[in-house]
């Protein structure tokens, strides 16, 4: 059963801080939280993020004043440590909802939390949770989204401008993104884990399709089948379905 809480406790955008530049908005958010200077639902944005991070050792490329580089601070209410996956699912679904408005039916979530338009990455999330006992004390959710940038060092990247041919005002888009995230966080509390997993799997990149992975440092083909309750990727190879954590498998396709 989902916890019975007031879904309005998290007000995403309770405060919005715009910085001219930052190494990483997640780092700034951490420093503010350590000083007790961050509200629940606070949003930290940077016009230029010069050391943005992705999953693992990955870096996030973002030209100045062309994209959204944002961190959301949440102080989850009665959310157990083993329920961390719900934050990832909910926020991934929120960003996916936003991108879907521009992607002409091509938006999907590439496990664990990249947002794709077709076969190219348009947004990514980096979620860092801090625990207090058996509960999540704080969650800092970094979001990098390609908006007006049209030239990338990676051939695997795209942007809203490339998808639509339009140019966007970043602060207006941020308000729309916040609305999507607010709805997704509300659902996180209102729905059980099974419902969140079902919604995630419905828009999951390459679900049910033969896909190339790197497993145990060896190239291998498998079929992404969905995720389990811990958020691990379920991959069918032959007649066997195996669960993989993010450190155990790498997409090659």
C-alpha atoms as a PDB file:
ATOM      1  CA  UNK A   1       0.000   0.000   0.000  1.00  0.00           C
ATOM      2  CA  UNK A   2       1.205   3.512  -0.785  1.00  0.00           C
ATOM      3  CA  UNK A   3       1.908   5.716   2.215  1.00  0.00           C
ATOM      4  CA  UNK A   4      -0.989   8.011   3.152  1.00  0.00           C
ATOM      5  CA  UNK A   5       0.549  11.473   2.995  1.00  0.00           C
ATOM      6  CA  UNK A   6      -0.477  14.920   1.936  1.00  0.00           C
ATOM      7  CA  UNK A   7       0.641  14.932  -1.697  1.00  0.00           C
ATOM      8  CA  UNK A   8       1.090  18.702  -1.580  1.00  0.00           C
ATOM      9  CA  UNK A   9       3.900  18.437   0.966  1.00  0.00           C
ATOM     10  CA  UNK A  10       6.432  18.579  -1.861  1.00  0.00           C
ATOM     11  CA  UNK A  11       5.984  21.851  -3.714  1.00  0.00           C
ATOM     12  CA  UNK A  12       8.444  21.630  -6.604  1.00  0.00           C
ATOM     13  CA  UNK A  13       9.690  25.144  -7.297  1.00  0.00           C
ATOM     14  CA  UNK A  14       9.083  26.342  -3.731  1.00  0.00           C
ATOM     15  CA  UNK A  15      12.161  28.415  -4.469  1.00  0.00           C
ATOM     16  CA  UNK A  16      14.062  28.743  -7.750  1.00  0.00           C
ATOM     17  CA  UNK A  17      17.708  29.793  -7.742  1.00  0.00           C
ATOM     18  CA  UNK A  18      19.376  30.784 -11.027  1.00  0.00           C
ATOM     19  CA  UNK A  19      23.183  30.793 -11.051  1.00  0.00           C
ATOM     20  CA  UNK A  20      25.353  32.289 -13.763  1.00  0.00           C
ATOM     21  CA  UNK A  21      27.570  29.216 -13.636  1.00  0.00           C
ATOM     22  CA  UNK A  22      28.289  26.178 -11.465  1.00  0.00           C
ATOM     23  CA  UNK A  23      30.547  23.157 -11.537  1.00  0.00           C
ATOM     24  CA  UNK A  24      27.470  20.988 -10.920  1.00  0.00           C
ATOM     25  CA  UNK A  25      24.022  22.034  -9.759  1.00  0.00           C
ATOM     26  CA  UNK A  26      23.914  18.850  -7.658  1.00  0.00           C
ATOM     27  CA  UNK A  27      27.059  20.001  -5.841  1.00  0.00           C
ATOM     28  CA  UNK A  28      25.533  23.420  -5.201  1.00  0.00           C
ATOM     29  CA  UNK A  29      22.360  21.785  -3.905  1.00  0.00           C
ATOM     30  CA  UNK A  30      24.398  19.608  -1.522  1.00  0.00           C
ATOM     31  CA  UNK A  31      26.258  22.623  -0.127  1.00  0.00           C
ATOM     32  CA  UNK A  32      22.989  24.508   0.411  1.00  0.00           C
ATOM     33  CA  UNK A  33      21.436  21.509   2.173  1.00  0.00           C
ATOM     34  CA  UNK A  34      24.478  21.165   4.443  1.00  0.00           C
ATOM     35  CA  UNK A  35      23.960  24.789   5.524  1.00  0.00           C
ATOM     36  CA  UNK A  36      20.222  24.284   6.021  1.00  0.00           C
ATOM     37  CA  UNK A  37      19.617  26.820   3.253  1.00  0.00           C
ATOM     38  CA  UNK A  38      17.437  24.707   0.952  1.00  0.00           C
ATOM     39  CA  UNK A  39      13.663  24.273   1.034  1.00  0.00           C
ATOM     40  CA  UNK A  40      11.894  21.037   0.180  1.00  0.00           C
ATOM     41  CA  UNK A  41      11.185  21.281  -3.543  1.00  0.00           C
ATOM     42  CA  UNK A  42      13.875  23.900  -4.190  1.00  0.00           C
ATOM     43  CA  UNK A  43      15.174  24.150  -7.754  1.00  0.00           C
ATOM     44  CA  UNK A  44      18.754  25.158  -8.530  1.00  0.00           C
ATOM     45  CA  UNK A  45      19.547  26.096 -12.155  1.00  0.00           C
ATOM     46  CA  UNK A  46      22.743  27.175 -13.881  1.00  0.00           C
ATOM     47  CA  UNK A  47      23.090  29.136 -17.106  1.00  0.00           C
ATOM     48  CA  UNK A  48      26.389  27.292 -17.531  1.00  0.00           C
ATOM     49  CA  UNK A  49      27.420  24.030 -15.874  1.00  0.00           C
ATOM     50  CA  UNK A  50      31.099  23.351 -16.545  1.00  0.00           C
ATOM     51  CA  UNK A  51      31.516  20.032 -14.725  1.00  0.00           C
ATOM     52  CA  UNK A  52      28.153  18.354 -15.059  1.00  0.00           C
ATOM     53  CA  UNK A  53      28.042  14.673 -14.194  1.00  0.00           C
ATOM     54  CA  UNK A  54      26.103  11.739 -15.548  1.00  0.00           C
ATOM     55  CA  UNK A  55      25.947   8.139 -14.392  1.00  0.00           C
ATOM     56  CA  UNK A  56      29.260   6.678 -13.246  1.00  0.00           C
ATOM     57  CA  UNK A  57      32.196   8.511 -14.817  1.00  0.00           C
ATOM     58  CA  UNK A  58      30.118  10.073 -17.583  1.00  0.00           C
ATOM     59  CA  UNK A  59      30.129  13.835 -18.138  1.00  0.00           C
ATOM     60  CA  UNK A  60      27.173  15.940 -19.234  1.00  0.00           C
ATOM     61  CA  UNK A  61      27.853  18.271 -22.168  1.00  0.00           C
ATOM     62  CA  UNK A  62      25.908  21.546 -22.084  1.00  0.00           C
ATOM     63  CA  UNK A  63      26.709  24.810 -23.870  1.00  0.00           C
ATOM     64  CA  UNK A  64      26.129  28.049 -21.966  1.00  0.00           C
ATOM     65  CA  UNK A  65      22.615  29.540 -22.018  1.00  0.00           C
ATOM     66  CA  UNK A  66      21.296  26.904 -24.429  1.00  0.00           C
ATOM     67  CA  UNK A  67      20.053  24.110 -22.164  1.00  0.00           C
ATOM     68  CA  UNK A  68      18.424  23.311 -18.847  1.00  0.00           C
ATOM     69  CA  UNK A  69      20.808  22.122 -16.136  1.00  0.00           C
ATOM     70  CA  UNK A  70      18.736  21.770 -13.013  1.00  0.00           C
ATOM     71  CA  UNK A  71      18.740  20.116  -9.594  1.00  0.00           C
ATOM     72  CA  UNK A  72      15.626  19.446  -7.527  1.00  0.00           C
ATOM     73  CA  UNK A  73      15.911  19.027  -3.748  1.00  0.00           C
ATOM     74  CA  UNK A  74      13.451  16.696  -2.045  1.00  0.00           C
ATOM     75  CA  UNK A  75      13.092  15.725   1.589  1.00  0.00           C
ATOM     76  CA  UNK A  76      11.008  12.557   1.142  1.00  0.00           C
ATOM     77  CA  UNK A  77       8.259  11.878   3.666  1.00  0.00           C
ATOM     78  CA  UNK A  78       8.363   8.427   5.276  1.00  0.00           C
ATOM     79  CA  UNK A  79      10.045   6.872   2.249  1.00  0.00           C
ATOM     80  CA  UNK A  80      12.131   3.861   3.227  1.00  0.00           C
ATOM     81  CA  UNK A  81      15.661   3.337   1.952  1.00  0.00           C
ATOM     82  CA  UNK A  82      14.555   0.261   0.003  1.00  0.00           C
ATOM     83  CA  UNK A  83      12.036   2.453  -1.840  1.00  0.00           C
ATOM     84  CA  UNK A  84      14.694   4.627  -3.500  1.00  0.00           C
ATOM     85  CA  UNK A  85      13.709   3.161  -6.848  1.00  0.00           C
ATOM     86  CA  UNK A  86      10.374   5.013  -6.635  1.00  0.00           C
ATOM     87  CA  UNK A  87      12.176   8.362  -6.843  1.00  0.00           C
ATOM     88  CA  UNK A  88      14.018   7.293  -9.982  1.00  0.00           C
ATOM     89  CA  UNK A  89      10.857   5.945 -11.602  1.00  0.00           C
ATOM     90  CA  UNK A  90       8.745   8.984 -10.764  1.00  0.00           C
ATOM     91  CA  UNK A  91      11.267  11.586 -11.880  1.00  0.00           C
ATOM     92  CA  UNK A  92      12.146   9.687 -15.058  1.00  0.00           C
ATOM     93  CA  UNK A  93       8.440   9.573 -15.881  1.00  0.00           C
ATOM     94  CA  UNK A  94       8.103  13.294 -15.158  1.00  0.00           C
ATOM     95  CA  UNK A  95      10.926  14.231 -17.532  1.00  0.00           C
ATOM     96  CA  UNK A  96       9.568  11.790 -20.112  1.00  0.00           C
ATOM     97  CA  UNK A  97       6.158  13.503 -19.919  1.00  0.00           C
ATOM     98  CA  UNK A  98       7.804  16.858 -20.604  1.00  0.00           C
ATOM     99  CA  UNK A  99       9.834  15.607 -23.578  1.00  0.00           C
ATOM    100  CA  UNK A 100       6.814  13.781 -25.002  1.00  0.00           C
ATOM    101  CA  UNK A 101       5.118  17.120 -25.687  1.00  0.00           C
ATOM    102  CA  UNK A 102       7.823  17.859 -28.297  1.00  0.00           C
ATOM    103  CA  UNK A 103       9.019  14.459 -29.509  1.00  0.00           C
ATOM    104  CA  UNK A 104       6.115  13.461 -31.779  1.00  0.00           C
ATOM    105  CA  UNK A 105       5.632  10.057 -30.174  1.00  0.00           C
ATOM    106  CA  UNK A 106       9.354   9.222 -30.151  1.00  0.00           C
ATOM    107  CA  UNK A 107      10.123   9.785 -26.451  1.00  0.00           C
ATOM    108  CA  UNK A 108      11.187   6.841 -24.299  1.00  0.00           C
ATOM    109  CA  UNK A 109      13.104   6.105 -21.098  1.00  0.00           C
ATOM    110  CA  UNK A 110      16.376   4.294 -21.617  1.00  0.00           C
ATOM    111  CA  UNK A 111      17.077   2.354 -18.442  1.00  0.00           C
ATOM    112  CA  UNK A 112      17.900   3.449 -15.865  1.00  0.00           C
ATOM    113  CA  UNK A 113      17.085   7.150 -16.326  1.00  0.00           C
ATOM    114  CA  UNK A 114      18.061   8.607 -19.698  1.00  0.00           C
ATOM    115  CA  UNK A 115      15.348  10.145 -21.840  1.00  0.00           C
ATOM    116  CA  UNK A 116      15.554   9.424 -25.540  1.00  0.00           C
ATOM    117  CA  UNK A 117      13.919  10.897 -28.619  1.00  0.00           C
ATOM    118  CA  UNK A 118      14.114   8.173 -31.217  1.00  0.00           C
ATOM    119  CA  UNK A 119      17.581   6.666 -30.801  1.00  0.00           C
ATOM    120  CA  UNK A 120      19.236   9.799 -29.427  1.00  0.00           C
ATOM    121  CA  UNK A 121      19.623  11.101 -25.893  1.00  0.00           C
ATOM    122  CA  UNK A 122      17.860  14.345 -25.071  1.00  0.00           C
ATOM    123  CA  UNK A 123      17.931  14.329 -21.263  1.00  0.00           C
ATOM    124  CA  UNK A 124      19.512  12.486 -18.368  1.00  0.00           C
ATOM    125  CA  UNK A 125      19.050  12.274 -14.620  1.00  0.00           C
ATOM    126  CA  UNK A 126      21.532  11.861 -11.768  1.00  0.00           C
ATOM    127  CA  UNK A 127      19.778  11.098  -8.472  1.00  0.00           C
ATOM    128  CA  UNK A 128      21.787  11.165  -5.249  1.00  0.00           C
ATOM    129  CA  UNK A 129      20.059  10.029  -2.061  1.00  0.00           C
ATOM    130  CA  UNK A 130      21.192  10.469   1.532  1.00  0.00           C
ATOM    131  CA  UNK A 131      19.879   8.099   4.193  1.00  0.00           C
ATOM    132  CA  UNK A 132      19.006   8.599   7.829  1.00  0.00           C
ATOM    133  CA  UNK A 133      18.493   5.268   9.500  1.00  0.00           C
ATOM    134  CA  UNK A 134      16.025   3.263   7.437  1.00  0.00           C
ATOM    135  CA  UNK A 135      14.576   6.307   5.678  1.00  0.00           C
ATOM    136  CA  UNK A 136      15.667   8.603   2.842  1.00  0.00           C
ATOM    137  CA  UNK A 137      16.638  11.909   4.424  1.00  0.00           C
ATOM    138  CA  UNK A 138      17.248  13.880   1.263  1.00  0.00           C
ATOM    139  CA  UNK A 139      17.216  13.350  -2.477  1.00  0.00           C
ATOM    140  CA  UNK A 140      19.037  15.614  -4.919  1.00  0.00           C
ATOM    141  CA  UNK A 141      17.850  15.037  -8.463  1.00  0.00           C
ATOM    142  CA  UNK A 142      20.006  16.489 -11.217  1.00  0.00           C
ATOM    143  CA  UNK A 143      18.439  16.890 -14.650  1.00  0.00           C
ATOM    144  CA  UNK A 144      20.295  17.852 -17.804  1.00  0.00           C
ATOM    145  CA  UNK A 145      18.137  18.568 -20.833  1.00  0.00           C
ATOM    146  CA  UNK A 146      19.219  19.620 -24.311  1.00  0.00           C
ATOM    147  CA  UNK A 147      17.045  22.529 -25.435  1.00  0.00           C
ATOM    148  CA  UNK A 148      18.538  24.986 -27.939  1.00  0.00           C
ATOM    149  CA  UNK A 149      21.951  23.408 -28.537  1.00  0.00           C
ATOM    150  CA  UNK A 150      22.347  22.027 -32.054  1.00  0.00           C
ATOM    151  CA  UNK A 151      26.007  20.965 -32.169  1.00  0.00           C
ATOM    152  CA  UNK A 152      27.302  18.165 -29.927  1.00  0.00           C
ATOM    153  CA  UNK A 153      30.575  16.282 -29.663  1.00  0.00           C
ATOM    154  CA  UNK A 154      28.510  13.084 -29.350  1.00  0.00           C
ATOM    155  CA  UNK A 155      26.606  11.795 -32.363  1.00  0.00           C
ATOM    156  CA  UNK A 156      24.159  10.226 -29.907  1.00  0.00           C
ATOM    157  CA  UNK A 157      22.705  13.518 -28.645  1.00  0.00           C
ATOM    158  CA  UNK A 158      19.750  15.600 -29.777  1.00  0.00           C
ATOM    159  CA  UNK A 159      17.770  18.589 -28.511  1.00  0.00           C
ATOM    160  CA  UNK A 160      14.305  20.132 -28.648  1.00  0.00           C
ATOM    161  CA  UNK A 161      15.609  22.606 -31.228  1.00  0.00           C
ATOM    162  CA  UNK A 162      16.793  19.785 -33.464  1.00  0.00           C
ATOM    163  CA  UNK A 163      13.496  17.943 -33.056  1.00  0.00           C
ATOM    164  CA  UNK A 164      11.217  20.890 -33.772  1.00  0.00           C
ATOM    165  CA  UNK A 165      13.309  23.560 -35.526  1.00  0.00           C
ATOM    166  CA  UNK A 166      12.183  26.077 -32.891  1.00  0.00           C
ATOM    167  CA  UNK A 167      14.098  28.123 -30.311  1.00  0.00           C
ATOM    168  CA  UNK A 168      12.881  28.117 -26.696  1.00  0.00           C
ATOM    169  CA  UNK A 169      12.929  30.468 -23.715  1.00  0.00           C
ATOM    170  CA  UNK A 170      14.528  28.469 -20.911  1.00  0.00           C
ATOM    171  CA  UNK A 171      12.700  29.939 -17.919  1.00  0.00           C
ATOM    172  CA  UNK A 172       9.319  29.299 -19.534  1.00  0.00           C
ATOM    173  CA  UNK A 173      10.283  25.693 -20.237  1.00  0.00           C
ATOM    174  CA  UNK A 174      11.485  25.278 -16.665  1.00  0.00           C
ATOM    175  CA  UNK A 175       8.001  26.111 -15.398  1.00  0.00           C
ATOM    176  CA  UNK A 176       6.518  23.436 -17.671  1.00  0.00           C
ATOM    177  CA  UNK A 177       9.122  20.906 -16.509  1.00  0.00           C
ATOM    178  CA  UNK A 178       8.371  21.706 -12.868  1.00  0.00           C
ATOM    179  CA  UNK A 179       4.670  21.043 -13.486  1.00  0.00           C
ATOM    180  CA  UNK A 180       5.482  17.627 -14.939  1.00  0.00           C
ATOM    181  CA  UNK A 181       7.777  16.789 -12.031  1.00  0.00           C
ATOM    182  CA  UNK A 182       5.155  17.896  -9.516  1.00  0.00           C
ATOM    183  CA  UNK A 183       2.617  15.520 -11.034  1.00  0.00           C
ATOM    184  CA  UNK A 184       5.119  12.668 -11.060  1.00  0.00           C
ATOM    185  CA  UNK A 185       6.083  13.177  -7.399  1.00  0.00           C
ATOM    186  CA  UNK A 186       2.402  13.255  -6.435  1.00  0.00           C
ATOM    187  CA  UNK A 187       1.935   9.922  -8.215  1.00  0.00           C
ATOM    188  CA  UNK A 188       4.946   8.496  -6.383  1.00  0.00           C
ATOM    189  CA  UNK A 189       3.002   8.851  -3.130  1.00  0.00           C
ATOM    190  CA  UNK A 190      -0.418   7.980  -4.499  1.00  0.00           C
ATOM    191  CA  UNK A 191       0.582   4.848  -6.440  1.00  0.00           C
ATOM    192  CA  UNK A 192       2.227   1.640  -5.340  1.00  0.00           C
ATOM    193  CA  UNK A 193       5.523   0.465  -6.788  1.00  0.00           C
ATOM    194  CA  UNK A 194       3.839  -1.929  -9.216  1.00  0.00           C
ATOM    195  CA  UNK A 195       1.902   0.909 -10.854  1.00  0.00           C
ATOM    196  CA  UNK A 196       5.057   3.011 -11.241  1.00  0.00           C
ATOM    197  CA  UNK A 197       6.926   0.070 -12.769  1.00  0.00           C
ATOM    198  CA  UNK A 198       4.067  -0.564 -15.199  1.00  0.00           C
ATOM    199  CA  UNK A 199       4.043   3.092 -16.296  1.00  0.00           C
ATOM    200  CA  UNK A 200       7.837   3.059 -16.712  1.00  0.00           C
ATOM    201  CA  UNK A 201       7.854  -0.165 -18.723  1.00  0.00           C
ATOM    202  CA  UNK A 202       5.147   1.170 -21.025  1.00  0.00           C
ATOM    203  CA  UNK A 203       7.547   3.841 -22.323  1.00  0.00           C
ATOM    204  CA  UNK A 204      10.819   1.935 -21.906  1.00  0.00           C
ATOM    205  CA  UNK A 205      13.411   2.175 -24.686  1.00  0.00           C
ATOM    206  CA  UNK A 206      13.738  -1.002 -26.804  1.00  0.00           C
ATOM    207  CA  UNK A 207      11.538  -3.084 -24.513  1.00  0.00           C
ATOM    208  CA  UNK A 208      10.987  -6.443 -26.157  1.00  0.00           C
ATOM    209  CA  UNK A 209      13.558  -5.796 -28.922  1.00  0.00           C
ATOM    210  CA  UNK A 210      16.814  -7.612 -29.584  1.00  0.00           C
ATOM    211  CA  UNK A 211      19.542  -5.318 -28.269  1.00  0.00           C
ATOM    212  CA  UNK A 212      23.341  -5.367 -27.951  1.00  0.00           C
ATOM    213  CA  UNK A 213      24.849  -5.098 -24.457  1.00  0.00           C
ATOM    214  CA  UNK A 214      28.206  -5.415 -22.777  1.00  0.00           C
ATOM    215  CA  UNK A 215      27.823  -8.067 -20.069  1.00  0.00           C
ATOM    216  CA  UNK A 216      30.851  -9.169 -18.002  1.00  0.00           C
ATOM    217  CA  UNK A 217      32.976  -7.156 -20.451  1.00  0.00           C
ATOM    218  CA  UNK A 218      31.753  -9.278 -23.363  1.00  0.00           C
ATOM    219  CA  UNK A 219      29.375  -8.135 -26.154  1.00  0.00           C
ATOM    220  CA  UNK A 220      26.112 -10.055 -25.952  1.00  0.00           C
ATOM    221  CA  UNK A 221      22.631  -9.794 -27.408  1.00  0.00           C
ATOM    222  CA  UNK A 222      19.548  -9.832 -25.235  1.00  0.00           C
ATOM    223  CA  UNK A 223      15.998  -8.536 -25.012  1.00  0.00           C
ATOM    224  CA  UNK A 224      15.121  -5.904 -22.372  1.00  0.00           C
ATOM    225  CA  UNK A 225      11.974  -7.235 -20.692  1.00  0.00           C
ATOM    226  CA  UNK A 226      11.399  -4.592 -18.023  1.00  0.00           C
ATOM    227  CA  UNK A 227      12.649  -3.932 -14.498  1.00  0.00           C
ATOM    228  CA  UNK A 228      12.204  -5.636 -11.141  1.00  0.00           C
ATOM    229  CA  UNK A 229      11.181  -4.080  -7.811  1.00  0.00           C
ATOM    230  CA  UNK A 230      14.776  -3.083  -7.051  1.00  0.00           C
ATOM    231  CA  UNK A 231      15.008  -1.225 -10.353  1.00  0.00           C
ATOM    232  CA  UNK A 232      17.362  -3.746 -11.985  1.00  0.00           C
ATOM    233  CA  UNK A 233      17.066  -4.368 -15.723  1.00  0.00           C
ATOM    234  CA  UNK A 234      15.509  -7.709 -16.685  1.00  0.00           C
ATOM    235  CA  UNK A 235      17.196  -9.061 -19.834  1.00  0.00           C
ATOM    236  CA  UNK A 236      16.316 -12.248 -21.669  1.00  0.00           C
ATOM    237  CA  UNK A 237      19.242 -14.096 -23.221  1.00  0.00           C
ATOM    238  CA  UNK A 238      18.153 -17.347 -24.831  1.00  0.00           C
ATOM    239  CA  UNK A 239      15.526 -18.829 -22.520  1.00  0.00           C
ATOM    240  CA  UNK A 240      16.934 -17.183 -19.386  1.00  0.00           C
ATOM    241  CA  UNK A 241      15.890 -13.849 -17.857  1.00  0.00           C
ATOM    242  CA  UNK A 242      18.574 -12.239 -15.670  1.00  0.00           C
ATOM    243  CA  UNK A 243      18.438  -9.117 -13.492  1.00  0.00           C
ATOM    244  CA  UNK A 244      21.288  -6.631 -13.906  1.00  0.00           C
ATOM    245  CA  UNK A 245      22.244  -3.603 -11.851  1.00  0.00           C
ATOM    246  CA  UNK A 246      23.547  -0.480 -13.586  1.00  0.00           C
ATOM    247  CA  UNK A 247      27.161  -1.526 -12.888  1.00  0.00           C
ATOM    248  CA  UNK A 248      26.746  -4.986 -14.380  1.00  0.00           C
ATOM    249  CA  UNK A 249      25.521  -4.161 -17.878  1.00  0.00           C
ATOM    250  CA  UNK A 250      26.198  -1.492 -20.505  1.00  0.00           C
ATOM    251  CA  UNK A 251      24.123  -0.594 -23.547  1.00  0.00           C
ATOM    252  CA  UNK A 252      25.957  -0.961 -26.846  1.00  0.00           C
ATOM    253  CA  UNK A 253      22.943   0.015 -28.931  1.00  0.00           C
END
